[in-house]
Amino acid sequence: MPRPSSASPLLSLPGAVPAEAPDEGVAAHYGDLFREQRALADGTGFVDLSHRGVITVTGAERLSWLHLLLTQHVSDLPPGQATEALILSAHGHIEHAVSLVDDGETTWMHTEPGNQEALIAYLESMKFFYRVEVADRTDEIAVVHLPAGSIAEVPAKAVVRETAHGRDLFLPRADLESFAADHGPAIGVLALEALRVEAHRPRLGLETDHRTIPHELGWIGTAVHLQKGCYRGQETVARVHNLGKPPRRLVFLHLDGSEVHLPPHGTPVRLASDGEEGRQLGFITTSARHHELGPIALALVKRNVPVDAPLMAGSTAAAQEVVVEP
């Protein structure tokens, strides 16, 4: 079982409401969800992601070694260039997802809360004769997120992972409270999740299950490099890309705004014409309330579901937008 996250000291800030699984240990919000979303969209504030697992890999052979294990091309990764990558099973199913950056001496990765122990166990099992050291840094390093457009000054001690969606900082955990005092307002993870859903970005453990392959979620290209050497699960990736179609596809849903409750993760998705007793064609992966779009969701559905078909998530009407082409 994943190790539970310890509570962030920022849960003591005014208005903090603790998040639920899988984000226990940090704040869901600080009293005003839509204000927090608007602040993120405007490039202000920060999100406490100190519950996420942090792993470092050091040693002269770290990038060439990781290149053999990850779906991403990292053997020549320049210092400071952010990327993301997956680790697949032998059958091509997604087992781990990491967000990483190399600073020229160390590769820094963060992963889903509590998943770092299983990931480290796998990495350790694959070291063989390579001169690399893998370390769990979760207890000493916290991840915080600055949104795109933020002009906040980054502390000198932080390692920066900059993407189109913002900057992830690997910050000494002891500096978390002082960082919050200097870089507020603090923003909860529900605001970040709403913007993630709007951007159609998948997340391990929510958009994935035990049989998910990268093609179903649009991770080909962003987390999977198609012109690199062998890695575990590559045969499935190449076969589906060259010869077939994935069995399911990620869709974006606009949900009926008159419903009080959002459909939770796992809620069955059916054709609206079939009603609530119809055949299940997929399930809700993440739902959120967006400050402009209203209730929205991501869902994983069978590939052959018509792209223009009205759907139902449980008892909630849903209109779909294509994320992954059928």
C-alpha atoms as a PDB file:
ATOM      1  CA  MET A   1       0.000   0.000   0.000  1.00  0.00           C
ATOM      2  CA  PRO A   2       1.208   3.551  -0.667  1.00  0.00           C
ATOM      3  CA  ARG A   3       2.554   5.384   2.341  1.00  0.00           C
ATOM      4  CA  PRO A   4       0.059   8.013   3.568  1.00  0.00           C
ATOM      5  CA  SER A   5       1.119  11.620   3.173  1.00  0.00           C
ATOM      6  CA  SER A   6       1.922  13.696   6.246  1.00  0.00           C
ATOM      7  CA  ALA A   7      -0.130  16.843   6.681  1.00  0.00           C
ATOM      8  CA  SER A   8       1.271  20.057   5.238  1.00  0.00           C
ATOM      9  CA  PRO A   9       1.937  22.882   7.703  1.00  0.00           C
ATOM     10  CA  LEU A  10       0.002  25.117   5.302  1.00  0.00           C
ATOM     11  CA  LEU A  11      -3.225  23.435   6.460  1.00  0.00           C
ATOM     12  CA  SER A  12      -2.946  25.848   9.387  1.00  0.00           C
ATOM     13  CA  LEU A  13      -3.483  28.847   7.084  1.00  0.00           C
ATOM     14  CA  PRO A  14      -6.822  30.692   7.458  1.00  0.00           C
ATOM     15  CA  GLY A  15      -9.711  28.999   5.652  1.00  0.00           C
ATOM     16  CA  ALA A  16      -7.807  25.823   4.754  1.00  0.00           C
ATOM     17  CA  VAL A  17     -10.068  22.819   4.097  1.00  0.00           C
ATOM     18  CA  PRO A  18      -8.214  19.465   3.848  1.00  0.00           C
ATOM     19  CA  ALA A  19      -8.339  17.642   0.520  1.00  0.00           C
ATOM     20  CA  GLU A  20      -9.665  14.117   0.109  1.00  0.00           C
ATOM     21  CA  ALA A  21      -8.047  11.162  -1.665  1.00  0.00           C
ATOM     22  CA  PRO A  22      -5.804  11.094  -3.588  1.00  0.00           C
ATOM     23  CA  ASP A  23      -4.655  14.490  -2.323  1.00  0.00           C
ATOM     24  CA  GLU A  24      -4.792  14.033   1.444  1.00  0.00           C
ATOM     25  CA  GLY A  25      -2.275  16.105   3.331  1.00  0.00           C
ATOM     26  CA  VAL A  26      -2.746  19.435   1.527  1.00  0.00           C
ATOM     27  CA  ALA A  27      -5.599  21.916   1.206  1.00  0.00           C
ATOM     28  CA  ALA A  28      -8.522  21.376  -1.164  1.00  0.00           C
ATOM     29  CA  HIS A  29      -9.201  25.107  -0.970  1.00  0.00           C
ATOM     30  CA  TYR A  30      -8.821  28.081   1.329  1.00  0.00           C
ATOM     31  CA  GLY A  31     -12.434  29.210   1.409  1.00  0.00           C
ATOM     32  CA  ASP A  32     -13.213  30.454  -2.113  1.00  0.00           C
ATOM     33  CA  LEU A  33     -12.759  27.915  -4.891  1.00  0.00           C
ATOM     34  CA  PHE A  34     -13.643  30.174  -7.829  1.00  0.00           C
ATOM     35  CA  ARG A  35     -11.534  33.082  -6.577  1.00  0.00           C
ATOM     36  CA  GLU A  36      -8.605  30.675  -6.295  1.00  0.00           C
ATOM     37  CA  GLN A  37      -9.178  29.391  -9.842  1.00  0.00           C
ATOM     38  CA  ARG A  38      -9.276  32.925 -11.220  1.00  0.00           C
ATOM     39  CA  ALA A  39      -6.047  33.754  -9.386  1.00  0.00           C
ATOM     40  CA  LEU A  40      -4.314  30.729 -10.939  1.00  0.00           C
ATOM     41  CA  ALA A  41      -5.642  31.573 -14.390  1.00  0.00           C
ATOM     42  CA  ASP A  42      -4.305  35.117 -13.923  1.00  0.00           C
ATOM     43  CA  GLY A  43      -0.841  33.848 -12.955  1.00  0.00           C
ATOM     44  CA  THR A  44      -0.929  34.685  -9.254  1.00  0.00           C
ATOM     45  CA  GLY A  45      -0.535  32.672  -6.064  1.00  0.00           C
ATOM     46  CA  PHE A  46       0.855  29.167  -5.644  1.00  0.00           C
ATOM     47  CA  VAL A  47      -0.419  25.626  -5.028  1.00  0.00           C
ATOM     48  CA  ASP A  48       0.930  23.467  -2.219  1.00  0.00           C
ATOM     49  CA  LEU A  49       1.787  20.049  -3.709  1.00  0.00           C
ATOM     50  CA  SER A  50       3.976  18.964  -0.809  1.00  0.00           C
ATOM     51  CA  HIS A  51       2.101  15.646  -0.583  1.00  0.00           C
ATOM     52  CA  ARG A  52       3.607  14.451  -3.868  1.00  0.00           C
ATOM     53  CA  GLY A  53       6.482  11.978  -3.860  1.00  0.00           C
ATOM     54  CA  VAL A  54       9.937  13.314  -4.719  1.00  0.00           C
ATOM     55  CA  ILE A  55      12.729  11.114  -6.101  1.00  0.00           C
ATOM     56  CA  THR A  56      16.243  12.019  -7.212  1.00  0.00           C
ATOM     57  CA  VAL A  57      18.696  10.073  -9.359  1.00  0.00           C
ATOM     58  CA  THR A  58      22.383  10.955  -9.277  1.00  0.00           C
ATOM     59  CA  GLY A  59      25.475   9.564 -10.964  1.00  0.00           C
ATOM     60  CA  ALA A  60      27.185  10.135 -14.284  1.00  0.00           C
ATOM     61  CA  GLU A  61      25.084   7.461 -16.019  1.00  0.00           C
ATOM     62  CA  ARG A  62      21.703   8.621 -14.657  1.00  0.00           C
ATOM     63  CA  LEU A  63      20.228   9.893 -17.938  1.00  0.00           C
ATOM     64  CA  SER A  64      21.433   7.029 -20.124  1.00  0.00           C
ATOM     65  CA  TRP A  65      20.075   4.604 -17.512  1.00  0.00           C
ATOM     66  CA  LEU A  66      16.694   6.324 -17.205  1.00  0.00           C
ATOM     67  CA  HIS A  67      16.485   6.404 -20.997  1.00  0.00           C
ATOM     68  CA  LEU A  68      16.330   2.589 -20.965  1.00  0.00           C
ATOM     69  CA  LEU A  69      13.437   2.528 -18.492  1.00  0.00           C
ATOM     70  CA  LEU A  70      11.219   5.474 -19.410  1.00  0.00           C
ATOM     71  CA  THR A  71       8.942   6.049 -22.388  1.00  0.00           C
ATOM     72  CA  GLN A  72      10.546   9.467 -22.941  1.00  0.00           C
ATOM     73  CA  HIS A  73      13.810  10.321 -24.727  1.00  0.00           C
ATOM     74  CA  VAL A  74      16.033  11.569 -21.893  1.00  0.00           C
ATOM     75  CA  SER A  75      19.562  10.422 -22.760  1.00  0.00           C
ATOM     76  CA  ASP A  76      20.455  13.919 -23.998  1.00  0.00           C
ATOM     77  CA  LEU A  77      18.058  15.909 -21.826  1.00  0.00           C
ATOM     78  CA  PRO A  78      19.518  19.428 -21.434  1.00  0.00           C
ATOM     79  CA  PRO A  79      19.778  20.869 -17.902  1.00  0.00           C
ATOM     80  CA  GLY A  80      16.633  22.747 -16.981  1.00  0.00           C
ATOM     81  CA  GLN A  81      14.405  21.257 -19.691  1.00  0.00           C
ATOM     82  CA  ALA A  82      11.225  19.818 -18.229  1.00  0.00           C
ATOM     83  CA  THR A  83       9.621  16.643 -19.511  1.00  0.00           C
ATOM     84  CA  GLU A  84       7.249  13.906 -18.405  1.00  0.00           C
ATOM     85  CA  ALA A  85       7.514  10.155 -18.809  1.00  0.00           C
ATOM     86  CA  LEU A  86       5.819   6.864 -18.066  1.00  0.00           C
ATOM     87  CA  ILE A  87       6.882   3.418 -16.941  1.00  0.00           C
ATOM     88  CA  LEU A  88       4.862   0.660 -18.550  1.00  0.00           C
ATOM     89  CA  SER A  89       4.243  -2.985 -17.806  1.00  0.00           C
ATOM     90  CA  ALA A  90       5.470  -5.659 -20.205  1.00  0.00           C
ATOM     91  CA  HIS A  91       2.020  -5.485 -21.833  1.00  0.00           C
ATOM     92  CA  GLY A  92       2.173  -1.710 -22.279  1.00  0.00           C
ATOM     93  CA  HIS A  93      -0.129  -0.743 -19.420  1.00  0.00           C
ATOM     94  CA  ILE A  94       0.744   2.417 -17.482  1.00  0.00           C
ATOM     95  CA  GLU A  95       2.288   1.722 -14.077  1.00  0.00           C
ATOM     96  CA  HIS A  96       3.993   5.012 -13.185  1.00  0.00           C
ATOM     97  CA  ALA A  97       4.008   8.606 -14.412  1.00  0.00           C
ATOM     98  CA  VAL A  98       6.729  11.083 -13.499  1.00  0.00           C
ATOM     99  CA  SER A  99       7.334  14.783 -14.026  1.00  0.00           C
ATOM    100  CA  LEU A 100      11.058  15.384 -14.240  1.00  0.00           C
ATOM    101  CA  VAL A 101      13.879  17.818 -14.825  1.00  0.00           C
ATOM    102  CA  ASP A 102      17.671  17.478 -14.687  1.00  0.00           C
ATOM    103  CA  ASP A 103      19.833  20.240 -13.198  1.00  0.00           C
ATOM    104  CA  GLY A 104      23.093  19.015 -14.727  1.00  0.00           C
ATOM    105  CA  GLU A 105      24.046  16.893 -11.721  1.00  0.00           C
ATOM    106  CA  THR A 106      20.777  15.387 -10.487  1.00  0.00           C
ATOM    107  CA  THR A 107      17.542  14.234 -12.080  1.00  0.00           C
ATOM    108  CA  TRP A 108      14.547  15.408 -10.036  1.00  0.00           C
ATOM    109  CA  MET A 109      11.166  13.693 -10.318  1.00  0.00           C
ATOM    110  CA  HIS A 110       7.832  14.070  -8.635  1.00  0.00           C
ATOM    111  CA  THR A 111       5.074  11.501  -8.767  1.00  0.00           C
ATOM    112  CA  GLU A 112       1.661  10.744  -7.313  1.00  0.00           C
ATOM    113  CA  PRO A 113       1.296  10.881  -3.508  1.00  0.00           C
ATOM    114  CA  GLY A 114       2.469   7.674  -1.876  1.00  0.00           C
ATOM    115  CA  ASN A 115       3.621   6.067  -5.139  1.00  0.00           C
ATOM    116  CA  GLN A 116       7.281   6.885  -4.679  1.00  0.00           C
ATOM    117  CA  GLU A 117       8.069   3.728  -2.702  1.00  0.00           C
ATOM    118  CA  ALA A 118       6.819   1.378  -5.440  1.00  0.00           C
ATOM    119  CA  LEU A 119       8.589   3.451  -8.081  1.00  0.00           C
ATOM    120  CA  ILE A 120      11.855   3.423  -6.155  1.00  0.00           C
ATOM    121  CA  ALA A 121      11.589  -0.340  -5.664  1.00  0.00           C
ATOM    122  CA  TYR A 122      11.291  -0.776  -9.431  1.00  0.00           C
ATOM    123  CA  LEU A 123      14.178   1.590 -10.162  1.00  0.00           C
ATOM    124  CA  GLU A 124      16.406  -0.154  -7.630  1.00  0.00           C
ATOM    125  CA  SER A 125      15.615  -3.518  -9.217  1.00  0.00           C
ATOM    126  CA  MET A 126      16.846  -2.210 -12.560  1.00  0.00           C
ATOM    127  CA  LYS A 127      20.165  -0.687 -11.484  1.00  0.00           C
ATOM    128  CA  PHE A 128      22.317  -3.723 -12.342  1.00  0.00           C
ATOM    129  CA  PHE A 129      25.863  -2.455 -13.000  1.00  0.00           C
ATOM    130  CA  TYR A 130      24.905   1.178 -13.687  1.00  0.00           C
ATOM    131  CA  ARG A 131      26.562   3.814 -11.520  1.00  0.00           C
ATOM    132  CA  VAL A 132      23.458   5.577 -10.271  1.00  0.00           C
ATOM    133  CA  GLU A 133      21.939   6.358  -6.891  1.00  0.00           C
ATOM    134  CA  VAL A 134      18.189   6.581  -6.358  1.00  0.00           C
ATOM    135  CA  ALA A 135      16.868   8.434  -3.308  1.00  0.00           C
ATOM    136  CA  ASP A 136      13.468   9.175  -1.773  1.00  0.00           C
ATOM    137  CA  ARG A 137      13.567  12.909  -0.991  1.00  0.00           C
ATOM    138  CA  THR A 138       9.906  13.300  -0.040  1.00  0.00           C
ATOM    139  CA  ASP A 139      10.587  13.916   3.643  1.00  0.00           C
ATOM    140  CA  GLU A 140      12.961  16.811   2.933  1.00  0.00           C
ATOM    141  CA  ILE A 141      11.735  18.300  -0.360  1.00  0.00           C
ATOM    142  CA  ALA A 142       8.280  19.758  -1.076  1.00  0.00           C
ATOM    143  CA  VAL A 143       6.774  20.465  -4.481  1.00  0.00           C
ATOM    144  CA  VAL A 144       4.967  23.782  -4.994  1.00  0.00           C
ATOM    145  CA  HIS A 145       3.380  25.019  -8.206  1.00  0.00           C
ATOM    146  CA  LEU A 146       3.525  28.539  -9.629  1.00  0.00           C
ATOM    147  CA  PRO A 147       0.995  29.110 -12.431  1.00  0.00           C
ATOM    148  CA  ALA A 148       1.862  30.126 -15.973  1.00  0.00           C
ATOM    149  CA  GLY A 149       2.430  33.856 -16.126  1.00  0.00           C
ATOM    150  CA  SER A 150       3.584  34.119 -12.524  1.00  0.00           C
ATOM    151  CA  ILE A 151       6.298  36.718 -11.936  1.00  0.00           C
ATOM    152  CA  ALA A 152       7.055  35.442  -8.444  1.00  0.00           C
ATOM    153  CA  GLU A 153      10.722  35.280  -7.536  1.00  0.00           C
ATOM    154  CA  VAL A 154      12.023  31.737  -7.160  1.00  0.00           C
ATOM    155  CA  PRO A 155      14.075  31.009  -4.016  1.00  0.00           C
ATOM    156  CA  ALA A 156      17.746  30.329  -4.676  1.00  0.00           C
ATOM    157  CA  LYS A 157      17.542  26.863  -3.097  1.00  0.00           C
ATOM    158  CA  ALA A 158      14.731  25.665  -5.349  1.00  0.00           C
ATOM    159  CA  VAL A 159      15.094  23.451  -8.414  1.00  0.00           C
ATOM    160  CA  VAL A 160      12.721  24.670 -11.135  1.00  0.00           C
ATOM    161  CA  ARG A 161      10.737  22.568 -13.587  1.00  0.00           C
ATOM    162  CA  GLU A 162       9.124  24.979 -16.054  1.00  0.00           C
ATOM    163  CA  THR A 163       6.351  23.954 -18.460  1.00  0.00           C
ATOM    164  CA  ALA A 164       3.650  25.678 -20.496  1.00  0.00           C
ATOM    165  CA  HIS A 165       1.288  25.159 -17.543  1.00  0.00           C
ATOM    166  CA  GLY A 166       3.553  26.790 -14.953  1.00  0.00           C
ATOM    167  CA  ARG A 167       6.581  26.110 -12.812  1.00  0.00           C
ATOM    168  CA  ASP A 168       7.002  23.241 -10.349  1.00  0.00           C
ATOM    169  CA  LEU A 169       9.523  24.050  -7.631  1.00  0.00           C
ATOM    170  CA  PHE A 170      11.430  21.428  -5.663  1.00  0.00           C
ATOM    171  CA  LEU A 171      11.779  23.383  -2.417  1.00  0.00           C
ATOM    172  CA  PRO A 172      13.354  22.423   0.925  1.00  0.00           C
ATOM    173  CA  ARG A 173      10.408  21.362   3.077  1.00  0.00           C
ATOM    174  CA  ALA A 174      11.738  23.464   5.951  1.00  0.00           C
ATOM    175  CA  ASP A 175      11.233  26.563   3.766  1.00  0.00           C
ATOM    176  CA  LEU A 176       7.593  25.856   2.882  1.00  0.00           C
ATOM    177  CA  GLU A 177       6.005  28.197   5.433  1.00  0.00           C
ATOM    178  CA  SER A 178       8.309  31.104   4.649  1.00  0.00           C
ATOM    179  CA  PHE A 179       7.693  30.548   0.930  1.00  0.00           C
ATOM    180  CA  ALA A 180       3.940  30.751   1.555  1.00  0.00           C
ATOM    181  CA  ALA A 181       4.329  34.001   3.466  1.00  0.00           C
ATOM    182  CA  ASP A 182       6.235  35.577   0.568  1.00  0.00           C
ATOM    183  CA  HIS A 183       4.351  34.124  -2.415  1.00  0.00           C
ATOM    184  CA  GLY A 184       0.670  34.063  -1.471  1.00  0.00           C
ATOM    185  CA  PRO A 185      -2.163  33.741  -1.905  1.00  0.00           C
ATOM    186  CA  ALA A 186      -2.173  30.016  -1.221  1.00  0.00           C
ATOM    187  CA  ILE A 187      -4.463  28.132  -3.598  1.00  0.00           C
ATOM    188  CA  GLY A 188      -5.929  24.685  -3.057  1.00  0.00           C
ATOM    189  CA  VAL A 189      -5.570  21.633  -5.256  1.00  0.00           C
ATOM    190  CA  LEU A 190      -9.223  21.728  -6.384  1.00  0.00           C
ATOM    191  CA  ALA A 191      -8.498  24.900  -8.352  1.00  0.00           C
ATOM    192  CA  LEU A 192      -5.487  23.292 -10.012  1.00  0.00           C
ATOM    193  CA  GLU A 193      -7.534  20.174 -10.776  1.00  0.00           C
ATOM    194  CA  ALA A 194     -10.268  22.235 -12.449  1.00  0.00           C
ATOM    195  CA  LEU A 195      -7.701  23.862 -14.731  1.00  0.00           C
ATOM    196  CA  ARG A 196      -6.141  20.444 -15.415  1.00  0.00           C
ATOM    197  CA  VAL A 197      -9.511  19.062 -16.503  1.00  0.00           C
ATOM    198  CA  GLU A 198     -10.098  22.133 -18.687  1.00  0.00           C
ATOM    199  CA  ALA A 199      -6.708  21.506 -20.342  1.00  0.00           C
ATOM    200  CA  HIS A 200      -7.558  17.782 -20.893  1.00  0.00           C
ATOM    201  CA  ARG A 201      -4.432  16.678 -19.024  1.00  0.00           C
ATOM    202  CA  PRO A 202      -4.545  13.117 -17.641  1.00  0.00           C
ATOM    203  CA  ARG A 203      -3.399  12.118 -14.176  1.00  0.00           C
ATOM    204  CA  LEU A 204      -2.164   8.712 -13.041  1.00  0.00           C
ATOM    205  CA  GLY A 205      -4.671   6.892 -10.852  1.00  0.00           C
ATOM    206  CA  LEU A 206      -7.595   9.046 -11.953  1.00  0.00           C
ATOM    207  CA  GLU A 207      -7.569   8.819 -15.748  1.00  0.00           C
ATOM    208  CA  THR A 208      -5.832   5.427 -15.570  1.00  0.00           C
ATOM    209  CA  ASP A 209      -6.769   1.975 -14.389  1.00  0.00           C
ATOM    210  CA  HIS A 210      -4.923  -1.347 -14.491  1.00  0.00           C
ATOM    211  CA  ARG A 211      -5.304  -1.710 -18.278  1.00  0.00           C
ATOM    212  CA  THR A 212      -4.783   1.836 -19.560  1.00  0.00           C
ATOM    213  CA  ILE A 213      -2.328   2.295 -22.416  1.00  0.00           C
ATOM    214  CA  PRO A 214      -0.819   5.706 -23.281  1.00  0.00           C
ATOM    215  CA  HIS A 215      -2.702   6.111 -26.587  1.00  0.00           C
ATOM    216  CA  GLU A 216      -6.059   6.220 -24.775  1.00  0.00           C
ATOM    217  CA  LEU A 217      -5.130   9.396 -22.889  1.00  0.00           C
ATOM    218  CA  GLY A 218      -3.230  11.405 -25.491  1.00  0.00           C
ATOM    219  CA  TRP A 219       0.103  10.763 -23.795  1.00  0.00           C
ATOM    220  CA  ILE A 220       1.770   9.838 -27.098  1.00  0.00           C
ATOM    221  CA  GLY A 221       4.180  12.647 -27.907  1.00  0.00           C
ATOM    222  CA  THR A 222       4.070  14.401 -24.539  1.00  0.00           C
ATOM    223  CA  ALA A 223       5.132  11.484 -22.337  1.00  0.00           C
ATOM    224  CA  VAL A 224       5.921   8.794 -24.932  1.00  0.00           C
ATOM    225  CA  HIS A 225       8.626   9.285 -27.563  1.00  0.00           C
ATOM    226  CA  LEU A 226       8.022   7.113 -30.616  1.00  0.00           C
ATOM    227  CA  GLN A 227      11.557   7.263 -32.037  1.00  0.00           C
ATOM    228  CA  LYS A 228      13.684   5.951 -29.195  1.00  0.00           C
ATOM    229  CA  GLY A 229      15.238   2.660 -28.213  1.00  0.00           C
ATOM    230  CA  CYS A 230      13.731  -0.281 -26.421  1.00  0.00           C
ATOM    231  CA  TYR A 231      11.894  -0.011 -23.109  1.00  0.00           C
ATOM    232  CA  ARG A 232       9.438  -2.278 -21.352  1.00  0.00           C
ATOM    233  CA  GLY A 233       6.053  -2.175 -23.085  1.00  0.00           C
ATOM    234  CA  GLN A 234       7.387  -0.609 -26.277  1.00  0.00           C
ATOM    235  CA  GLU A 235       6.021  -3.423 -28.450  1.00  0.00           C
ATOM    236  CA  THR A 236       2.449  -2.555 -27.452  1.00  0.00           C
ATOM    237  CA  VAL A 237       3.054   1.160 -28.011  1.00  0.00           C
ATOM    238  CA  ALA A 238       4.454   0.584 -31.499  1.00  0.00           C
ATOM    239  CA  ARG A 239       1.817  -1.971 -32.495  1.00  0.00           C
ATOM    240  CA  VAL A 240      -1.138   0.200 -31.517  1.00  0.00           C
ATOM    241  CA  HIS A 241       0.413   3.298 -33.078  1.00  0.00           C
ATOM    242  CA  ASN A 242       1.257   1.619 -36.378  1.00  0.00           C
ATOM    243  CA  LEU A 243      -1.411  -1.012 -36.829  1.00  0.00           C
ATOM    244  CA  GLY A 244      -4.459  -0.311 -34.737  1.00  0.00           C
ATOM    245  CA  LYS A 245      -6.498   1.918 -32.461  1.00  0.00           C
ATOM    246  CA  PRO A 246      -6.701   1.969 -28.672  1.00  0.00           C
ATOM    247  CA  PRO A 247      -9.805   0.305 -27.226  1.00  0.00           C
ATOM    248  CA  ARG A 248     -10.827   3.435 -25.271  1.00  0.00           C
ATOM    249  CA  ARG A 249     -10.429   7.189 -25.600  1.00  0.00           C
ATOM    250  CA  LEU A 250     -10.379  10.168 -23.254  1.00  0.00           C
ATOM    251  CA  VAL A 251     -13.234  12.658 -23.659  1.00  0.00           C
ATOM    252  CA  PHE A 252     -14.014  16.052 -22.133  1.00  0.00           C
ATOM    253  CA  LEU A 253     -17.548  16.503 -20.811  1.00  0.00           C
ATOM    254  CA  HIS A 254     -19.718  19.543 -20.175  1.00  0.00           C
ATOM    255  CA  LEU A 255     -22.054  18.447 -17.390  1.00  0.00           C
ATOM    256  CA  ASP A 256     -25.608  19.576 -16.694  1.00  0.00           C
ATOM    257  CA  GLY A 257     -25.209  22.628 -14.465  1.00  0.00           C
ATOM    258  CA  SER A 258     -28.526  22.107 -12.690  1.00  0.00           C
ATOM    259  CA  GLU A 259     -27.176  19.118 -10.764  1.00  0.00           C
ATOM    260  CA  VAL A 260     -26.080  19.842  -7.194  1.00  0.00           C
ATOM    261  CA  HIS A 261     -23.480  17.089  -6.944  1.00  0.00           C
ATOM    262  CA  LEU A 262     -20.640  16.298  -9.309  1.00  0.00           C
ATOM    263  CA  PRO A 263     -20.434  12.674 -10.504  1.00  0.00           C
ATOM    264  CA  PRO A 264     -17.481  11.125  -8.639  1.00  0.00           C
ATOM    265  CA  HIS A 265     -14.615   9.115 -10.070  1.00  0.00           C
ATOM    266  CA  GLY A 266     -15.907   5.801 -11.410  1.00  0.00           C
ATOM    267  CA  THR A 267     -19.441   6.989 -12.211  1.00  0.00           C
ATOM    268  CA  PRO A 268     -20.714   4.974 -15.206  1.00  0.00           C
ATOM    269  CA  VAL A 269     -21.050   6.775 -18.548  1.00  0.00           C
ATOM    270  CA  ARG A 270     -23.821   5.693 -20.937  1.00  0.00           C
ATOM    271  CA  LEU A 271     -25.568   6.937 -24.060  1.00  0.00           C
ATOM    272  CA  ALA A 272     -28.266   9.405 -23.045  1.00  0.00           C
ATOM    273  CA  SER A 273     -30.672   7.647 -25.418  1.00  0.00           C
ATOM    274  CA  ASP A 274     -30.253   4.418 -23.430  1.00  0.00           C
ATOM    275  CA  GLY A 275     -31.070   5.998 -20.068  1.00  0.00           C
ATOM    276  CA  GLU A 276     -29.642   5.131 -16.658  1.00  0.00           C
ATOM    277  CA  GLU A 277     -30.195   1.399 -17.216  1.00  0.00           C
ATOM    278  CA  GLY A 278     -28.330   1.327 -20.514  1.00  0.00           C
ATOM    279  CA  ARG A 279     -25.034  -0.415 -21.227  1.00  0.00           C
ATOM    280  CA  GLN A 280     -22.024   1.179 -19.552  1.00  0.00           C
ATOM    281  CA  LEU A 281     -19.614   2.592 -22.118  1.00  0.00           C
ATOM    282  CA  GLY A 282     -17.057   4.162 -19.827  1.00  0.00           C
ATOM    283  CA  PHE A 283     -16.581   5.988 -16.552  1.00  0.00           C
ATOM    284  CA  ILE A 284     -15.905   9.422 -15.123  1.00  0.00           C
ATOM    285  CA  THR A 285     -12.236   9.879 -14.245  1.00  0.00           C
ATOM    286  CA  THR A 286     -12.236  13.422 -12.815  1.00  0.00           C
ATOM    287  CA  SER A 287     -15.007  15.995 -12.379  1.00  0.00           C
ATOM    288  CA  ALA A 288     -14.658  19.621 -11.310  1.00  0.00           C
ATOM    289  CA  ARG A 289     -16.454  22.938 -11.025  1.00  0.00           C
ATOM    290  CA  HIS A 290     -14.826  25.503 -13.299  1.00  0.00           C
ATOM    291  CA  HIS A 291     -15.059  29.242 -12.693  1.00  0.00           C
ATOM    292  CA  GLU A 292     -16.118  29.907 -16.309  1.00  0.00           C
ATOM    293  CA  LEU A 293     -17.272  26.605 -17.811  1.00  0.00           C
ATOM    294  CA  GLY A 294     -19.320  25.359 -14.873  1.00  0.00           C
ATOM    295  CA  PRO A 295     -19.323  21.613 -14.072  1.00  0.00           C
ATOM    296  CA  ILE A 296     -16.915  19.692 -16.312  1.00  0.00           C
ATOM    297  CA  ALA A 297     -15.300  16.275 -16.359  1.00  0.00           C
ATOM    298  CA  LEU A 298     -12.919  13.912 -18.070  1.00  0.00           C
ATOM    299  CA  ALA A 299     -14.085  10.403 -18.874  1.00  0.00           C
ATOM    300  CA  LEU A 300     -12.663   7.278 -20.461  1.00  0.00           C
ATOM    301  CA  VAL A 301     -15.102   5.714 -22.938  1.00  0.00           C
ATOM    302  CA  LYS A 302     -15.080   2.972 -25.550  1.00  0.00           C
ATOM    303  CA  ARG A 303     -13.456   4.072 -28.791  1.00  0.00           C
ATOM    304  CA  ASN A 304     -16.556   3.421 -30.900  1.00  0.00           C
ATOM    305  CA  VAL A 305     -18.847   5.738 -28.902  1.00  0.00           C
ATOM    306  CA  PRO A 306     -20.100   8.257 -31.507  1.00  0.00           C
ATOM    307  CA  VAL A 307     -18.313  11.592 -31.022  1.00  0.00           C
ATOM    308  CA  ASP A 308     -21.567  13.551 -31.318  1.00  0.00           C
ATOM    309  CA  ALA A 309     -23.660  11.339 -29.052  1.00  0.00           C
ATOM    310  CA  PRO A 310     -25.177  12.953 -25.932  1.00  0.00           C
ATOM    311  CA  LEU A 311     -24.066  11.026 -22.867  1.00  0.00           C
ATOM    312  CA  MET A 312     -25.095  10.530 -19.257  1.00  0.00           C
ATOM    313  CA  ALA A 313     -22.737  10.341 -16.278  1.00  0.00           C
ATOM    314  CA  GLY A 314     -24.877   8.477 -13.780  1.00  0.00           C
ATOM    315  CA  SER A 315     -28.028  10.612 -13.824  1.00  0.00           C
ATOM    316  CA  THR A 316     -26.247  13.743 -15.110  1.00  0.00           C
ATOM    317  CA  ALA A 317     -26.560  14.799 -18.743  1.00  0.00           C
ATOM    318  CA  ALA A 318     -23.209  15.327 -20.474  1.00  0.00           C
ATOM    319  CA  ALA A 319     -22.113  16.750 -23.826  1.00  0.00           C
ATOM    320  CA  GLN A 320     -18.767  15.461 -25.065  1.00  0.00           C
ATOM    321  CA  GLU A 321     -15.761  17.030 -26.782  1.00  0.00           C
ATOM    322  CA  VAL A 322     -13.128  14.906 -28.473  1.00  0.00           C
ATOM    323  CA  VAL A 323      -9.752  14.712 -26.716  1.00  0.00           C
ATOM    324  CA  VAL A 324      -8.378  11.520 -28.296  1.00  0.00           C
ATOM    325  CA  GLU A 325      -9.559  10.812 -31.822  1.00  0.00           C
ATOM    326  CA  PRO A 326     -11.520   7.551 -32.241  1.00  0.00           C
END
